[in-house]
Amino acid sequence: MKKIIISILLVIGCISSYAQKQKINYLTTFDDKLIHFGFTIGVNTLDFNIANYNPIGENPDFIPFQNSPNDKVTGSDVIRSDVATLIPGFTVGIISSLRLSEDFNLRFLPGLSFGERQLTYNVPVIDINIYDESLSYYSIKSTFLDFPLLIKYKARRINNDRPYVIFGGAYRQDISRTAQEDLIKLKSGGFYAEAGGGWDHYFPFFRFSVEAKFSFGLNNQLGDLPAPTQRLYYSQSIKNMRSKIFTLCFHFE
């Protein structure tokens, strides 16, 4: 019994000694800087939130058989489109951060994003630019110039860790080369509302952050109709098309 009590006391003493051991906090004055810079890399997935005319005849600009009598698309037909599969893309950018207060920062993160969306239809996809007679989807590839301006709210620091949330807006310009014959034409620019959260970890020489962010398009991204050589009903079946983007970023500051 005496040995057991002694063993318990030794264990309690070791735990107490370990708990009282001071942890080393790195970069304790990092958040006091007025301005600091860094870079970011990440992965993204691009998506669309699509509203379709149901049926296509609800679109006042739709004209039956405007491409070919063999298409047999009338105003009573329902042609639906959606993004069925999310394809990973890539994001890279630079970080500029301005200290507003102890808990708030203003962040500007210009960069480049590359991604793809595969638009599937409930009818065969026929594109004059593709030699195959019909496809199961239409691929839309984008290269965005990103201009996000965000507010970062930080919780209290816990040793070398600090969680945070972000919110703000962004403008994105698609610089992909598009042709008049594209089956679905998009507008080149658009505004986004952005929100997300992340976790800062302080190392001896830099701060590393993991951040998840959602971007919601505020503008209808559907552009003008393609050239008359394309079948127009793929585009005319769409009433509204707004972008949605999820980005997982890794910041180095």
Protein backbone atom coordinates (compact mmCIF):
# COMPACT_ATOMS: atom_id res chain seq x y z
CA MET A 1 0.00 0.00 0.00
CA LYS A 2 2.82 2.33 0.88
CA LYS A 3 4.53 1.66 -2.47
CA ILE A 4 1.29 2.43 -4.34
CA ILE A 5 0.88 5.76 -2.53
CA ILE A 6 4.48 6.68 -3.27
CA SER A 7 4.02 5.76 -6.95
CA ILE A 8 0.85 7.87 -7.22
CA LEU A 9 2.60 10.84 -5.61
CA LEU A 10 5.51 10.48 -8.05
CA VAL A 11 3.12 10.40 -11.03
CA ILE A 12 1.25 13.48 -9.74
CA GLY A 13 4.55 15.26 -9.19
CA CYS A 14 5.71 14.48 -12.74
CA ILE A 15 2.42 15.68 -14.25
CA SER A 16 2.52 18.85 -12.19
CA SER A 17 6.12 19.52 -13.18
CA TYR A 18 5.28 19.00 -16.88
CA ALA A 19 2.21 21.22 -16.68
CA GLN A 20 4.22 24.04 -15.11
CA LYS A 21 6.95 23.82 -17.76
CA GLN A 22 6.92 27.06 -19.72
CA LYS A 23 6.22 26.70 -23.45
CA ILE A 24 8.23 28.75 -25.92
CA ASN A 25 6.11 31.27 -27.81
CA TYR A 26 7.46 32.27 -31.19
CA LEU A 27 7.06 35.61 -33.02
CA THR A 28 5.39 37.26 -30.04
CA THR A 29 5.49 40.71 -31.71
CA PHE A 30 4.46 39.52 -35.19
CA ASP A 31 0.87 40.75 -34.87
CA ASP A 32 2.03 44.18 -33.70
CA LYS A 33 3.48 45.06 -37.12
CA LEU A 34 1.55 47.70 -39.03
CA ILE A 35 2.12 46.00 -42.41
CA HIS A 36 3.46 42.62 -43.36
CA PHE A 37 3.62 40.52 -46.53
CA GLY A 38 3.65 36.90 -47.61
CA PHE A 39 2.52 34.46 -50.27
CA THR A 40 -0.18 31.84 -50.60
CA ILE A 41 -0.76 28.64 -52.54
CA GLY A 42 -3.90 26.55 -52.57
CA VAL A 43 -6.40 24.33 -54.31
CA ASN A 44 -9.87 25.31 -55.48
CA THR A 45 -13.06 23.91 -56.94
CA LEU A 46 -15.24 25.96 -59.31
CA ASP A 47 -18.98 25.51 -59.50
CA PHE A 48 -22.11 27.18 -60.91
CA ASN A 49 -25.45 27.87 -59.30
CA ILE A 50 -27.70 27.55 -62.38
CA ALA A 51 -31.36 28.48 -62.86
CA ASN A 52 -32.88 27.01 -66.04
CA TYR A 53 -35.94 28.01 -68.06
CA ASN A 54 -38.50 25.27 -67.49
CA PRO A 55 -39.52 24.75 -70.27
CA ILE A 56 -37.15 26.55 -72.62
CA GLY A 57 -40.12 28.37 -74.18
CA GLU A 58 -40.23 30.59 -71.06
CA ASN A 59 -37.24 32.39 -72.59
CA PRO A 60 -38.82 35.11 -74.78
CA ASP A 61 -35.79 35.06 -77.09
CA PHE A 62 -36.08 31.36 -77.92
CA ILE A 63 -37.06 30.54 -81.52
CA PRO A 64 -37.86 26.88 -82.37
CA PHE A 65 -35.75 25.25 -85.10
CA GLN A 66 -33.47 28.28 -85.29
CA ASN A 67 -30.41 26.10 -85.96
CA SER A 68 -31.69 23.15 -87.90
CA PRO A 69 -35.06 21.47 -88.41
CA ASN A 70 -33.38 18.21 -87.43
CA ASP A 71 -32.82 19.44 -83.83
CA LYS A 72 -36.56 19.27 -83.11
CA VAL A 73 -36.26 21.51 -80.02
CA THR A 74 -39.53 23.28 -79.31
CA GLY A 75 -40.69 25.68 -76.63
CA SER A 76 -42.22 22.86 -74.61
CA ASP A 77 -38.90 21.00 -74.22
CA VAL A 78 -37.04 21.00 -70.90
CA ILE A 79 -33.28 21.37 -71.31
CA ARG A 80 -31.45 21.36 -68.01
CA SER A 81 -27.78 21.96 -67.22
CA ASP A 82 -25.70 21.54 -64.07
CA VAL A 83 -22.16 20.95 -62.82
CA ALA A 84 -22.12 17.29 -61.83
CA THR A 85 -18.44 16.85 -60.92
CA LEU A 86 -16.10 19.25 -59.09
CA ILE A 87 -12.59 19.33 -60.55
CA PRO A 88 -9.63 20.52 -58.42
CA GLY A 89 -7.84 23.64 -59.59
CA PHE A 90 -4.84 25.66 -58.41
CA THR A 91 -4.46 29.09 -56.76
CA VAL A 92 -1.36 31.20 -56.12
CA GLY A 93 -1.04 34.76 -54.84
CA ILE A 94 0.66 37.32 -52.62
CA ILE A 95 -0.44 38.68 -49.25
CA SER A 96 -0.55 42.26 -48.04
CA SER A 97 -1.88 42.70 -44.50
CA LEU A 98 -2.62 45.97 -42.68
CA ARG A 99 -3.12 46.00 -38.90
CA LEU A 100 -6.32 47.84 -37.97
CA SER A 101 -6.45 46.90 -34.29
CA GLU A 102 -5.38 44.13 -31.94
CA ASP A 103 -7.96 41.74 -33.37
CA PHE A 104 -8.63 43.06 -36.90
CA ASN A 105 -6.53 43.13 -40.08
CA LEU A 106 -7.32 44.34 -43.59
CA ARG A 107 -5.94 41.89 -46.14
CA PHE A 108 -5.43 42.23 -49.91
CA LEU A 109 -4.53 38.97 -51.66
CA PRO A 110 -4.16 39.42 -55.45
CA GLY A 111 -3.40 36.25 -57.34
CA LEU A 112 -4.14 33.78 -60.12
CA SER A 113 -6.62 30.89 -60.07
CA PHE A 114 -6.90 28.10 -62.62
CA GLY A 115 -9.92 25.84 -62.78
CA GLU A 116 -12.46 23.97 -64.87
CA ARG A 117 -16.21 23.36 -64.80
CA GLN A 118 -17.90 20.57 -66.74
CA LEU A 119 -21.44 21.57 -67.66
CA THR A 120 -23.67 18.52 -68.14
CA TYR A 121 -27.03 18.53 -69.94
CA ASN A 122 -30.00 16.19 -70.02
CA VAL A 123 -29.58 16.11 -73.82
CA PRO A 124 -26.50 15.21 -75.90
CA VAL A 125 -24.00 18.09 -76.18
CA ILE A 126 -23.10 18.91 -79.78
CA ASP A 127 -20.22 21.36 -80.24
CA ILE A 128 -19.00 22.30 -83.73
CA ASN A 129 -15.47 22.68 -82.31
CA ILE A 130 -15.37 18.99 -81.34
CA TYR A 131 -15.19 16.25 -83.94
CA ASP A 132 -17.25 13.82 -81.86
CA GLU A 133 -20.93 13.85 -82.76
CA SER A 134 -22.03 14.32 -79.16
CA LEU A 135 -20.49 14.70 -75.69
CA SER A 136 -21.77 14.07 -72.18
CA TYR A 137 -20.62 17.52 -70.97
CA TYR A 138 -19.26 20.88 -72.09
CA SER A 139 -15.95 21.93 -70.49
CA ILE A 140 -15.47 25.57 -69.40
CA LYS A 141 -11.88 26.35 -68.38
CA SER A 142 -11.09 29.60 -66.57
CA THR A 143 -8.00 31.56 -65.57
CA PHE A 144 -8.93 34.22 -63.02
CA LEU A 145 -7.12 37.33 -61.91
CA ASP A 146 -8.23 37.49 -58.26
CA PHE A 147 -8.54 40.72 -56.26
CA PRO A 148 -9.93 39.84 -52.79
CA LEU A 149 -10.18 42.50 -50.06
CA LEU A 150 -10.95 40.87 -46.71
CA ILE A 151 -11.32 41.66 -43.03
CA LYS A 152 -9.62 39.18 -40.72
CA TYR A 153 -10.90 38.84 -37.15
CA LYS A 154 -8.52 36.96 -34.86
CA ALA A 155 -9.30 35.19 -31.60
CA ARG A 156 -6.92 35.40 -28.65
CA ARG A 157 -3.61 33.67 -29.19
CA ILE A 158 -3.18 30.28 -27.50
CA ASN A 159 0.56 29.66 -27.21
CA ASN A 160 1.61 29.40 -30.88
CA ASP A 161 -1.87 29.07 -32.36
CA ARG A 162 -4.58 31.57 -33.21
CA PRO A 163 -7.91 30.80 -34.96
CA TYR A 164 -9.61 33.45 -37.08
CA VAL A 165 -12.50 34.20 -39.44
CA ILE A 166 -12.50 36.26 -42.64
CA PHE A 167 -15.19 38.08 -44.60
CA GLY A 168 -15.27 40.60 -47.42
CA GLY A 169 -15.51 40.81 -51.18
CA ALA A 170 -13.54 40.16 -54.34
CA TYR A 171 -13.44 41.02 -58.01
CA ARG A 172 -12.35 38.36 -60.51
CA GLN A 173 -11.44 38.82 -64.16
CA ASP A 174 -11.38 35.75 -66.39
CA ILE A 175 -8.49 36.19 -68.83
CA SER A 176 -9.02 32.87 -70.62
CA ARG A 177 -9.10 33.21 -74.36
CA THR A 178 -12.66 32.76 -75.61
CA ALA A 179 -13.98 32.63 -79.14
CA GLN A 180 -17.26 33.66 -80.71
CA GLU A 181 -17.91 29.97 -81.42
CA ASP A 182 -17.84 28.92 -77.75
CA LEU A 183 -20.97 26.90 -76.99
CA ILE A 184 -21.51 28.74 -73.67
CA LYS A 185 -20.07 32.24 -73.41
CA LEU A 186 -19.37 33.80 -70.01
CA LYS A 187 -18.89 37.38 -68.91
CA SER A 188 -15.25 38.11 -68.25
CA GLY A 189 -15.61 39.80 -64.83
CA GLY A 190 -17.69 39.51 -61.71
CA PHE A 191 -17.99 40.46 -58.03
CA TYR A 192 -18.04 37.95 -55.16
CA ALA A 193 -18.95 37.87 -51.48
CA GLU A 194 -16.42 35.87 -49.46
CA ALA A 195 -16.38 34.25 -46.03
CA GLY A 196 -14.31 31.60 -44.30
CA GLY A 197 -12.01 30.75 -41.45
CA GLY A 198 -8.57 29.47 -40.66
CA TRP A 199 -5.86 28.74 -38.13
CA ASP A 200 -2.56 30.59 -37.65
CA HIS A 201 0.46 28.70 -36.31
CA TYR A 202 3.62 30.57 -35.33
CA PHE A 203 6.99 29.01 -36.11
CA PRO A 204 10.36 30.50 -35.10
CA PHE A 205 10.82 32.36 -38.41
CA PHE A 206 7.40 32.61 -40.07
CA ARG A 207 3.67 32.20 -39.57
CA PHE A 208 1.87 29.38 -41.35
CA SER A 209 -1.91 29.43 -41.85
CA VAL A 210 -4.47 26.99 -43.19
CA GLU A 211 -7.60 28.72 -44.49
CA ALA A 212 -10.90 27.56 -46.04
CA LYS A 213 -12.88 30.16 -47.98
CA PHE A 214 -16.21 30.22 -49.84
CA SER A 215 -16.84 32.72 -52.64
CA PHE A 216 -20.36 33.43 -53.88
CA GLY A 217 -20.86 35.20 -57.21
CA LEU A 218 -23.11 38.26 -57.14
CA ASN A 219 -23.49 38.67 -60.91
CA ASN A 220 -25.11 36.59 -63.62
CA GLN A 221 -22.09 35.20 -65.51
CA LEU A 222 -24.00 34.09 -68.61
CA GLY A 223 -22.69 36.08 -71.58
CA ASP A 224 -23.96 36.72 -75.08
CA LEU A 225 -25.19 34.00 -77.38
CA PRO A 226 -22.53 32.17 -79.40
CA ALA A 227 -22.17 32.42 -83.15
CA PRO A 228 -25.22 31.17 -85.11
CA THR A 229 -23.11 28.26 -86.33
CA GLN A 230 -23.53 26.76 -82.85
CA ARG A 231 -26.80 25.39 -81.50
CA LEU A 232 -28.15 28.25 -79.40
CA TYR A 233 -30.57 26.33 -77.21
CA TYR A 234 -27.79 25.18 -74.83
CA SER A 235 -27.27 28.80 -73.82
CA GLN A 236 -30.91 29.91 -74.17
CA SER A 237 -32.07 27.25 -71.72
CA ILE A 238 -30.17 29.03 -68.92
CA LYS A 239 -31.88 31.87 -67.07
CA ASN A 240 -29.18 32.68 -64.54
CA MET A 241 -25.66 31.39 -63.89
CA ARG A 242 -23.71 32.45 -60.80
CA SER A 243 -20.22 31.27 -59.86
CA LYS A 244 -19.38 29.48 -56.62
CA ILE A 245 -15.78 28.86 -55.57
CA PHE A 246 -14.28 26.93 -52.66
CA THR A 247 -10.60 27.53 -51.91
CA LEU A 248 -8.30 25.80 -49.43
CA CYS A 249 -5.23 28.02 -48.98
CA PHE A 250 -1.88 27.71 -47.24
CA HIS A 251 -0.40 31.07 -46.24
CA PHE A 252 3.25 31.78 -45.48
CA GLU A 253 3.90 35.16 -43.83
